[in-house]
PDB file of N, CA and C in Angstrom:
ATOM      1  N   MET A   1       0.648  -0.922  -0.130  1.00  0.00           N
ATOM      2  CA  MET A   1       0.179   0.221  -0.083  1.00  0.00           C
ATOM      3  C   MET A   1       0.540   0.794   0.212  1.00  0.00           C
ATOM      4  N   SER A   2       0.706   2.515  -0.766  1.00  0.00           N
ATOM      5  CA  SER A   2       1.187   2.809  -0.942  1.00  0.00           C
ATOM      6  C   SER A   2       0.660   4.754   0.214  1.00  0.00           C
ATOM      7  N   LEU A   3       1.529   5.229   0.740  1.00  0.00           N
ATOM      8  CA  LEU A   3       1.504   5.813   1.341  1.00  0.00           C
ATOM      9  C   LEU A   3       1.335   7.516   0.372  1.00  0.00           C
ATOM     10  N   GLN A   4       0.470   8.035   1.287  1.00  0.00           N
ATOM     11  CA  GLN A   4       0.425   9.406   0.533  1.00  0.00           C
ATOM     12  C   GLN A   4       1.365  10.350   0.743  1.00  0.00           C
ATOM     13  N   ILE A   5       2.132  11.240  -0.482  1.00  0.00           N
ATOM     14  CA  ILE A   5       3.042  12.192  -0.406  1.00  0.00           C
ATOM     15  C   ILE A   5       2.462  13.229  -0.457  1.00  0.00           C
ATOM     16  N   TYR A   6       2.887  14.531   0.557  1.00  0.00           N
ATOM     17  CA  TYR A   6       2.911  15.497   1.092  1.00  0.00           C
ATOM     18  C   TYR A   6       4.089  16.551   1.128  1.00  0.00           C
ATOM     19  N   PHE A   7       4.289  17.467  -0.151  1.00  0.00           N
ATOM     20  CA  PHE A   7       5.109  18.543  -0.289  1.00  0.00           C
ATOM     21  C   PHE A   7       5.042  19.788   0.750  1.00  0.00           C
ATOM     22  N   THR A   8       6.613  19.625   1.394  1.00  0.00           N
ATOM     23  CA  THR A   8       6.332  20.989   2.161  1.00  0.00           C
ATOM     24  C   THR A   8       6.286  22.168   1.225  1.00  0.00           C
ATOM     25  N   PRO A   9       6.303  23.293   2.000  1.00  0.00           N
ATOM     26  CA  PRO A   9       6.596  24.650   0.844  1.00  0.00           C
ATOM     27  C   PRO A   9       8.254  24.714   0.419  1.00  0.00           C
ATOM     28  N   ARG A  10       8.649  23.995   1.600  1.00  0.00           N
ATOM     29  CA  ARG A  10      10.799  24.009   1.252  1.00  0.00           C
ATOM     30  C   ARG A  10      10.800  23.233   0.192  1.00  0.00           C
ATOM     31  N   SER A  11       9.857  22.026   0.196  1.00  0.00           N
ATOM     32  CA  SER A  11      10.192  21.219  -0.795  1.00  0.00           C
ATOM     33  C   SER A  11      10.274  21.559  -1.990  1.00  0.00           C
ATOM     34  N   LYS A  12       9.078  22.607  -2.313  1.00  0.00           N
ATOM     35  CA  LYS A  12       8.559  22.584  -3.524  1.00  0.00           C
ATOM     36  C   LYS A  12       9.315  23.725  -4.284  1.00  0.00           C
ATOM     37  N   GLU A  13       9.919  24.905  -2.990  1.00  0.00           N
ATOM     38  CA  GLU A  13      11.091  25.518  -3.592  1.00  0.00           C
ATOM     39  C   GLU A  13      12.233  25.285  -4.251  1.00  0.00           C
ATOM     40  N   THR A  14      12.856  24.228  -3.019  1.00  0.00           N
ATOM     41  CA  THR A  14      14.275  23.790  -3.283  1.00  0.00           C
ATOM     42  C   THR A  14      14.145  22.826  -4.860  1.00  0.00           C
ATOM     43  N   PHE A  15      12.506  21.672  -4.635  1.00  0.00           N
ATOM     44  CA  PHE A  15      12.892  21.208  -6.239  1.00  0.00           C
ATOM     45  C   PHE A  15      12.970  22.293  -6.994  1.00  0.00           C
ATOM     46  N   LYS A  16      11.985  23.493  -6.990  1.00  0.00           N
ATOM     47  CA  LYS A  16      12.022  23.832  -8.177  1.00  0.00           C
ATOM     48  C   LYS A  16      13.695  25.203  -8.426  1.00  0.00           C
ATOM     49  N   SER A  17      14.203  25.356  -8.079  1.00  0.00           N
ATOM     50  CA  SER A  17      15.556  25.705  -7.727  1.00  0.00           C
ATOM     51  C   SER A  17      16.347  24.740  -8.144  1.00  0.00           C
ATOM     52  N   THR A  18      16.365  23.915  -8.480  1.00  0.00           N
ATOM     53  CA  THR A  18      17.042  22.327  -8.698  1.00  0.00           C
ATOM     54  C   THR A  18      17.212  21.851  -9.987  1.00  0.00           C
ATOM     55  N   TYR A  19      15.829  22.377 -10.173  1.00  0.00           N
ATOM     56  CA  TYR A  19      15.138  22.051 -11.950  1.00  0.00           C
ATOM     57  C   TYR A  19      15.797  23.180 -12.364  1.00  0.00           C
ATOM     58  N   ASN A  20      15.756  24.267 -11.974  1.00  0.00           N
ATOM     59  CA  ASN A  20      15.715  25.907 -13.073  1.00  0.00           C
ATOM     60  C   ASN A  20      17.588  25.553 -13.250  1.00  0.00           C
ATOM     61  N   PHE A  21      17.755  25.256 -12.007  1.00  0.00           N
ATOM     62  CA  PHE A  21      19.852  25.524 -12.521  1.00  0.00           C
ATOM     63  C   PHE A  21      20.045  24.318 -13.354  1.00  0.00           C
ATOM     64  N   ILE A  22      19.222  23.039 -13.066  1.00  0.00           N
ATOM     65  CA  ILE A  22      20.064  22.324 -14.237  1.00  0.00           C
ATOM     66  C   ILE A  22      19.411  22.962 -15.509  1.00  0.00           C
ATOM     67  N   LYS A  23      18.357  23.278 -15.583  1.00  0.00           N
ATOM     68  CA  LYS A  23      18.164  23.783 -16.823  1.00  0.00           C
ATOM     69  C   LYS A  23      18.601  24.574 -17.644  1.00  0.00           C
ATOM     70  N   ASN A  24      18.966  26.013 -16.733  1.00  0.00           N
ATOM     71  CA  ASN A  24      20.056  26.619 -16.783  1.00  0.00           C
ATOM     72  C   ASN A  24      21.344  26.517 -17.793  1.00  0.00           C
ATOM     73  N   GLU A  25      21.567  25.394 -16.799  1.00  0.00           N
ATOM     74  CA  GLU A  25      23.020  24.902 -17.052  1.00  0.00           C
ATOM     75  C   GLU A  25      23.218  23.740 -18.319  1.00  0.00           C
ATOM     76  N   PHE A  26      22.593  23.342 -18.061  1.00  0.00           N
ATOM     77  CA  PHE A  26      22.457  21.714 -18.811  1.00  0.00           C
ATOM     78  C   PHE A  26      21.634  21.881 -20.223  1.00  0.00           C
ATOM     79  N   GLY A  27      20.615  22.284 -19.945  1.00  0.00           N
ATOM     80  CA  GLY A  27      19.087  22.375 -21.010  1.00  0.00           C
ATOM     81  C   GLY A  27      17.811  21.883 -20.162  1.00  0.00           C
ATOM     82  N   ALA A  28      16.714  22.186 -21.054  1.00  0.00           N
ATOM     83  CA  ALA A  28      15.480  21.354 -21.054  1.00  0.00           C
ATOM     84  C   ALA A  28      15.377  19.760 -20.607  1.00  0.00           C
ATOM     85  N   SER A  29      16.352  19.300 -21.694  1.00  0.00           N
ATOM     86  CA  SER A  29      16.358  17.479 -22.162  1.00  0.00           C
ATOM     87  C   SER A  29      16.516  17.387 -20.699  1.00  0.00           C
ATOM     88  N   VAL A  30      17.705  17.745 -20.149  1.00  0.00           N
ATOM     89  CA  VAL A  30      18.168  17.032 -18.746  1.00  0.00           C
ATOM     90  C   VAL A  30      17.328  17.858 -17.650  1.00  0.00           C
ATOM     91  N   ALA A  31      16.784  18.565 -17.435  1.00  0.00           N
ATOM     92  CA  ALA A  31      16.247  18.826 -16.449  1.00  0.00           C
ATOM     93  C   ALA A  31      14.595  18.045 -16.503  1.00  0.00           C
ATOM     94  N   GLU A  32      14.751  17.816 -17.751  1.00  0.00           N
ATOM     95  CA  GLU A  32      13.182  16.743 -17.713  1.00  0.00           C
ATOM     96  C   GLU A  32      13.583  15.592 -17.254  1.00  0.00           C
ATOM     97  N   LYS A  33      14.226  15.254 -17.290  1.00  0.00           N
ATOM     98  CA  LYS A  33      14.735  13.512 -17.146  1.00  0.00           C
ATOM     99  C   LYS A  33      15.155  13.439 -15.811  1.00  0.00           C
ATOM    100  N   PHE A  34      15.540  14.636 -14.984  1.00  0.00           N
ATOM    101  CA  PHE A  34      15.671  14.968 -13.512  1.00  0.00           C
ATOM    102  C   PHE A  34      14.534  14.784 -12.922  1.00  0.00           C
ATOM    103  N   SER A  35      13.475  15.615 -13.396  1.00  0.00           N
ATOM    104  CA  SER A  35      12.040  15.618 -13.262  1.00  0.00           C
ATOM    105  C   SER A  35      11.930  14.360 -13.072  1.00  0.00           C
ATOM    106  N   ILE A  36      11.594  13.586 -14.308  1.00  0.00           N
ATOM    107  CA  ILE A  36      11.136  12.224 -14.179  1.00  0.00           C
ATOM    108  C   ILE A  36      11.789  10.905 -13.449  1.00  0.00           C
ATOM    109  N   LYS A  37      12.877  11.306 -12.779  1.00  0.00           N
ATOM    110  CA  LYS A  37      13.706  10.323 -11.835  1.00  0.00           C
ATOM    111  C   LYS A  37      13.164  10.698 -10.567  1.00  0.00           C
ATOM    112  N   THR A  38      13.125  12.281 -10.310  1.00  0.00           N
ATOM    113  CA  THR A  38      12.250  12.741  -9.431  1.00  0.00           C
ATOM    114  C   THR A  38      11.389  11.897  -8.885  1.00  0.00           C
ATOM    115  N   GLU A  39       9.981  11.521 -10.061  1.00  0.00           N
ATOM    116  CA  GLU A  39       8.966  10.817  -9.909  1.00  0.00           C
ATOM    117  C   GLU A  39       9.072   9.900  -9.736  1.00  0.00           C
ATOM    118  N   LYS A  40       9.830   8.787 -10.231  1.00  0.00           N
ATOM    119  CA  LYS A  40      10.129   7.867  -9.796  1.00  0.00           C
ATOM    120  C   LYS A  40      10.650   7.019  -8.381  1.00  0.00           C
ATOM    121  N   THR A  41      11.294   8.490  -8.009  1.00  0.00           N
ATOM    122  CA  THR A  41      12.020   8.479  -6.781  1.00  0.00           C
ATOM    123  C   THR A  41      11.091   8.327  -5.536  1.00  0.00           C
ATOM    124  N   ILE A  42       9.920   9.440  -5.500  1.00  0.00           N
ATOM    125  CA  ILE A  42       9.160   9.598  -4.945  1.00  0.00           C
ATOM    126  C   ILE A  42       8.009   8.613  -4.813  1.00  0.00           C
ATOM    127  N   LYS A  43       7.640   7.384  -6.188  1.00  0.00           N
ATOM    128  CA  LYS A  43       7.001   6.678  -6.466  1.00  0.00           C
ATOM    129  C   LYS A  43       7.646   5.361  -5.272  1.00  0.00           C
ATOM    130  N   LEU A  44       8.453   5.244  -5.472  1.00  0.00           N
ATOM    131  CA  LEU A  44       9.262   4.699  -4.698  1.00  0.00           C
ATOM    132  C   LEU A  44       9.215   4.591  -2.841  1.00  0.00           C
ATOM    133  N   ILE A  45       9.648   6.017  -2.715  1.00  0.00           N
ATOM    134  CA  ILE A  45       9.192   6.277  -1.137  1.00  0.00           C
ATOM    135  C   ILE A  45       7.796   5.605  -1.038  1.00  0.00           C
ATOM    136  N   ALA A  46       7.115   6.182  -1.549  1.00  0.00           N
ATOM    137  CA  ALA A  46       5.906   5.684  -1.363  1.00  0.00           C
ATOM    138  C   ALA A  46       5.368   4.625  -1.389  1.00  0.00           C
ATOM    139  N   ASP A  47       5.848   3.686  -2.023  1.00  0.00           N
ATOM    140  CA  ASP A  47       5.577   2.175  -1.965  1.00  0.00           C
ATOM    141  C   ASP A  47       6.123   1.544  -0.861  1.00  0.00           C
ATOM    142  N   HIS A  48       7.573   1.840  -0.798  1.00  0.00           N
ATOM    143  CA  HIS A  48       8.737   1.563   0.074  1.00  0.00           C
ATOM    144  C   HIS A  48       9.598   2.798   1.453  1.00  0.00           C
ATOM    145  N   PRO A  49       8.770   3.026   1.972  1.00  0.00           N
ATOM    146  CA  PRO A  49       9.099   4.391   3.148  1.00  0.00           C
ATOM    147  C   PRO A  49      10.294   4.400   3.540  1.00  0.00           C
ATOM    148  N   LEU A  50      10.619   3.068   3.734  1.00  0.00           N
ATOM    149  CA  LEU A  50      11.769   2.633   4.951  1.00  0.00           C
ATOM    150  C   LEU A  50      13.086   2.483   3.763  1.00  0.00           C
ATOM    151  N   MET A  51      12.838   2.530   2.618  1.00  0.00           N
ATOM    152  CA  MET A  51      14.059   1.784   1.500  1.00  0.00           C
ATOM    153  C   MET A  51      15.554   2.842   1.994  1.00  0.00           C
ATOM    154  N   PHE A  52      14.796   3.433   1.853  1.00  0.00           N
ATOM    155  CA  PHE A  52      16.950   4.723   2.332  1.00  0.00           C
ATOM    156  C   PHE A  52      16.993   4.864   3.424  1.00  0.00           C
ATOM    157  N   LYS A  53      18.301   5.306   3.436  1.00  0.00           N
ATOM    158  CA  LYS A  53      18.406   5.315   4.677  1.00  0.00           C
ATOM    159  C   LYS A  53      18.295   6.566   5.947  1.00  0.00           C
ATOM    160  N   VAL A  54      18.406   6.641   7.008  1.00  0.00           N
ATOM    161  CA  VAL A  54      18.335   7.343   7.919  1.00  0.00           C
ATOM    162  C   VAL A  54      18.940   8.660   7.751  1.00  0.00           C
ATOM    163  N   SER A  55      18.692   9.999   7.929  1.00  0.00           N
ATOM    164  CA  SER A  55      19.249  10.749   7.663  1.00  0.00           C
ATOM    165  C   SER A  55      20.396  11.396   9.639  1.00  0.00           C
ATOM    166  N   THR A  56      21.348  11.872   9.096  1.00  0.00           N
ATOM    167  CA  THR A  56      22.592  12.526  10.129  1.00  0.00           C
ATOM    168  C   THR A  56      21.099  13.567  11.458  1.00  0.00           C
ATOM    169  N   ILE A  57      20.322  14.118  10.437  1.00  0.00           N
ATOM    170  CA  ILE A  57      20.289  15.164  10.766  1.00  0.00           C
ATOM    171  C   ILE A  57      18.995  15.104  12.248  1.00  0.00           C
ATOM    172  N   ALA A  58      18.060  13.716  12.132  1.00  0.00           N
ATOM    173  CA  ALA A  58      16.647  13.267  12.783  1.00  0.00           C
ATOM    174  C   ALA A  58      17.040  11.833  12.552  1.00  0.00           C
ATOM    175  N   THR A  59      16.668  11.103  13.552  1.00  0.00           N
ATOM    176  CA  THR A  59      16.412   9.400  13.206  1.00  0.00           C
ATOM    177  C   THR A  59      14.839   9.176  12.266  1.00  0.00           C
ATOM    178  N   ASP A  60      13.857  10.081  12.317  1.00  0.00           N
ATOM    179  CA  ASP A  60      12.661  10.234  11.682  1.00  0.00           C
ATOM    180  C   ASP A  60      12.802  11.185  10.205  1.00  0.00           C
ATOM    181  N   VAL A  61      14.129  11.187   9.985  1.00  0.00           N
ATOM    182  CA  VAL A  61      14.124  11.764   8.597  1.00  0.00           C
ATOM    183  C   VAL A  61      15.111  10.976   7.809  1.00  0.00           C
ATOM    184  N   ARG A  62      14.582  10.595   6.493  1.00  0.00           N
ATOM    185  CA  ARG A  62      15.498   9.358   5.501  1.00  0.00           C
ATOM    186  C   ARG A  62      15.742  10.247   4.890  1.00  0.00           C
ATOM    187  N   VAL A  63      16.935  10.185   3.898  1.00  0.00           N
ATOM    188  CA  VAL A  63      17.626  10.810   2.704  1.00  0.00           C
ATOM    189  C   VAL A  63      17.157   9.737   1.345  1.00  0.00           C
ATOM    190  N   GLY A  64      16.271  10.037   0.599  1.00  0.00           N
ATOM    191  CA  GLY A  64      16.224   9.455  -0.463  1.00  0.00           C
ATOM    192  C   GLY A  64      17.297   9.484  -1.652  1.00  0.00           C
ATOM    193  N   LEU A  65      18.406   9.336  -2.337  1.00  0.00           N
ATOM    194  CA  LEU A  65      18.897   9.461  -3.683  1.00  0.00           C
ATOM    195  C   LEU A  65      18.018   9.602  -5.037  1.00  0.00           C
ATOM    196  N   ILE A  66      18.306  10.723  -5.554  1.00  0.00           N
ATOM    197  CA  ILE A  66      17.462  10.558  -6.799  1.00  0.00           C
ATOM    198  C   ILE A  66      18.762  10.482  -7.913  1.00  0.00           C
ATOM    199  N   THR A  67      20.433  11.485  -7.689  1.00  0.00           N
ATOM    200  CA  THR A  67      20.586  11.376  -8.572  1.00  0.00           C
ATOM    201  C   THR A  67      22.595  11.426  -8.233  1.00  0.00           C
ATOM    202  N   LYS A  68      23.473  11.138  -8.467  1.00  0.00           N
ATOM    203  CA  LYS A  68      24.590  11.432  -8.102  1.00  0.00           C
ATOM    204  C   LYS A  68      24.482  13.056  -7.280  1.00  0.00           C
ATOM    205  N   GLN A  69      23.957  13.628  -7.674  1.00  0.00           N
ATOM    206  CA  GLN A  69      24.122  15.123  -7.545  1.00  0.00           C
ATOM    207  C   GLN A  69      22.909  15.724  -6.236  1.00  0.00           C
ATOM    208  N   CYS A  70      21.876  14.912  -6.885  1.00  0.00           N
ATOM    209  CA  CYS A  70      20.532  14.737  -5.417  1.00  0.00           C
ATOM    210  C   CYS A  70      20.178  14.231  -4.705  1.00  0.00           C
ATOM    211  N   SER A  71      19.534  14.509  -3.622  1.00  0.00           N
ATOM    212  CA  SER A  71      19.150  14.061  -2.596  1.00  0.00           C
ATOM    213  C   SER A  71      17.484  14.357  -1.979  1.00  0.00           C
ATOM    214  N   VAL A  72      16.473  13.636  -1.872  1.00  0.00           N
ATOM    215  CA  VAL A  72      15.385  14.468  -1.375  1.00  0.00           C
ATOM    216  C   VAL A  72      15.338  14.023   0.502  1.00  0.00           C
ATOM    217  N   PHE A  73      14.989  14.514   1.266  1.00  0.00           N
ATOM    218  CA  PHE A  73      14.983  14.466   2.784  1.00  0.00           C
ATOM    219  C   PHE A  73      13.237  14.589   2.888  1.00  0.00           C
ATOM    220  N   TYR A  74      13.063  13.346   3.737  1.00  0.00           N
ATOM    221  CA  TYR A  74      11.263  12.744   3.995  1.00  0.00           C
ATOM    222  C   TYR A  74      11.658  12.757   5.455  1.00  0.00           C
ATOM    223  N   ARG A  75       9.921  12.584   5.903  1.00  0.00           N
ATOM    224  CA  ARG A  75       9.765  11.976   7.111  1.00  0.00           C
ATOM    225  C   ARG A  75       8.741  11.408   6.835  1.00  0.00           C
ATOM    226  N   VAL A  76       8.610  10.309   7.841  1.00  0.00           N
ATOM    227  CA  VAL A  76       7.958   8.680   7.428  1.00  0.00           C
ATOM    228  C   VAL A  76       7.011   9.257   8.637  1.00  0.00           C
ATOM    229  N   THR A  77       5.469   9.273   8.491  1.00  0.00           N
ATOM    230  CA  THR A  77       4.529   8.982   9.682  1.00  0.00           C
ATOM    231  C   THR A  77       3.557   7.460   9.125  1.00  0.00           C
ATOM    232  N   ASP A  78       3.087   7.289  10.343  1.00  0.00           N
ATOM    233  CA  ASP A  78       2.483   5.948  10.119  1.00  0.00           C
ATOM    234  C   ASP A  78       1.157   6.340   8.727  1.00  0.00           C
ATOM    235  N   THR A  79       0.597   7.503   8.083  1.00  0.00           N
ATOM    236  CA  THR A  79      -0.091   7.530   7.180  1.00  0.00           C
ATOM    237  C   THR A  79       0.407   8.124   6.119  1.00  0.00           C
ATOM    238  N   THR A  80       1.420   9.122   6.086  1.00  0.00           N
ATOM    239  CA  THR A  80       2.313  10.299   4.868  1.00  0.00           C
ATOM    240  C   THR A  80       3.263   9.727   5.421  1.00  0.00           C
ATOM    241  N   ILE A  81       3.936  10.444   4.239  1.00  0.00           N
ATOM    242  CA  ILE A  81       5.439  11.242   3.718  1.00  0.00           C
ATOM    243  C   ILE A  81       5.311  12.116   3.447  1.00  0.00           C
ATOM    244  N   HIS A  82       6.253  12.768   4.086  1.00  0.00           N
ATOM    245  CA  HIS A  82       6.032  14.538   4.177  1.00  0.00           C
ATOM    246  C   HIS A  82       7.644  14.959   3.483  1.00  0.00           C
ATOM    247  N   LEU A  83       7.637  15.210   2.393  1.00  0.00           N
ATOM    248  CA  LEU A  83       8.883  15.416   1.403  1.00  0.00           C
ATOM    249  C   LEU A  83       9.544  17.121   2.421  1.00  0.00           C
ATOM    250  N   LEU A  84      10.439  17.166   2.601  1.00  0.00           N
ATOM    251  CA  LEU A  84      11.072  17.750   3.572  1.00  0.00           C
ATOM    252  C   LEU A  84      11.872  18.953   2.401  1.00  0.00           C
ATOM    253  N   PHE A  85      12.270  18.435   1.833  1.00  0.00           N
ATOM    254  CA  PHE A  85      13.201  19.709   0.969  1.00  0.00           C
ATOM    255  C   PHE A  85      14.729  18.699   0.345  1.00  0.00           C
ATOM    256  N   PHE A  86      14.692  19.295  -1.275  1.00  0.00           N
ATOM    257  CA  PHE A  86      15.736  18.670  -2.215  1.00  0.00           C
ATOM    258  C   PHE A  86      16.808  19.327  -1.915  1.00  0.00           C
ATOM    259  N   TRP A  87      18.110  18.421  -1.690  1.00  0.00           N
ATOM    260  CA  TRP A  87      19.587  18.851  -1.126  1.00  0.00           C
ATOM    261  C   TRP A  87      20.509  18.467  -3.087  1.00  0.00           C
ATOM    262  N   ASP A  88      21.252  19.771  -3.265  1.00  0.00           N
ATOM    263  CA  ASP A  88      22.451  19.427  -3.863  1.00  0.00           C
ATOM    264  C   ASP A  88      23.517  18.776  -3.121  1.00  0.00           C
ATOM    265  N   ASN A  89      23.633  17.171  -3.600  1.00  0.00           N
ATOM    266  CA  ASN A  89      24.713  16.887  -2.718  1.00  0.00           C
ATOM    267  C   ASN A  89      26.384  17.495  -2.493  1.00  0.00           C
ATOM    268  N   ARG A  90      26.640  18.396  -3.420  1.00  0.00           N
ATOM    269  CA  ARG A  90      27.704  19.165  -3.956  1.00  0.00           C
ATOM    270  C   ARG A  90      27.891  20.222  -2.798  1.00  0.00           C
ATOM    271  N   GLN A  91      27.008  20.507  -2.189  1.00  0.00           N
ATOM    272  CA  GLN A  91      26.929  21.422  -1.119  1.00  0.00           C
ATOM    273  C   GLN A  91      27.264  21.100   0.041  1.00  0.00           C
ATOM    274  N   GLU A  92      28.032  22.167   0.991  1.00  0.00           N
ATOM    275  CA  GLU A  92      28.553  21.667   2.327  1.00  0.00           C
ATOM    276  C   GLU A  92      26.985  21.020   3.022  1.00  0.00           C
ATOM    277  N   PRO A  93      27.637  20.367   4.104  1.00  0.00           N
ATOM    278  CA  PRO A  93      26.865  19.666   4.997  1.00  0.00           C
ATOM    279  C   PRO A  93      25.663  20.855   5.521  1.00  0.00           C
ATOM    280  N   LEU A  94      24.729  20.740   6.272  1.00  0.00           N
ATOM    281  CA  LEU A  94      23.515  21.587   6.787  1.00  0.00           C
ATOM    282  C   LEU A  94      24.891  22.148   8.369  1.00  0.00           C
TER     283      LEU A  94
END
């Protein structure tokens, strides 16, 4: 059974920022591929919420790898998944 996915305002903002960066630097087709990979990863998270590793931020936050360069941080509850933010893995840690 898939859990319901919720985007936080910060996750919407960081996804859009990452998408626009990819589009500006590498082109629309690469940005679209990133968007498709993101959708697939989110579907995997909905179906298997505990498949990705626990983050170092908090034990209830997990990190899903989308590409080598980008991850999504999310929190799992009994009935929902909250996408917290997208992270460029080339950045300095929080």
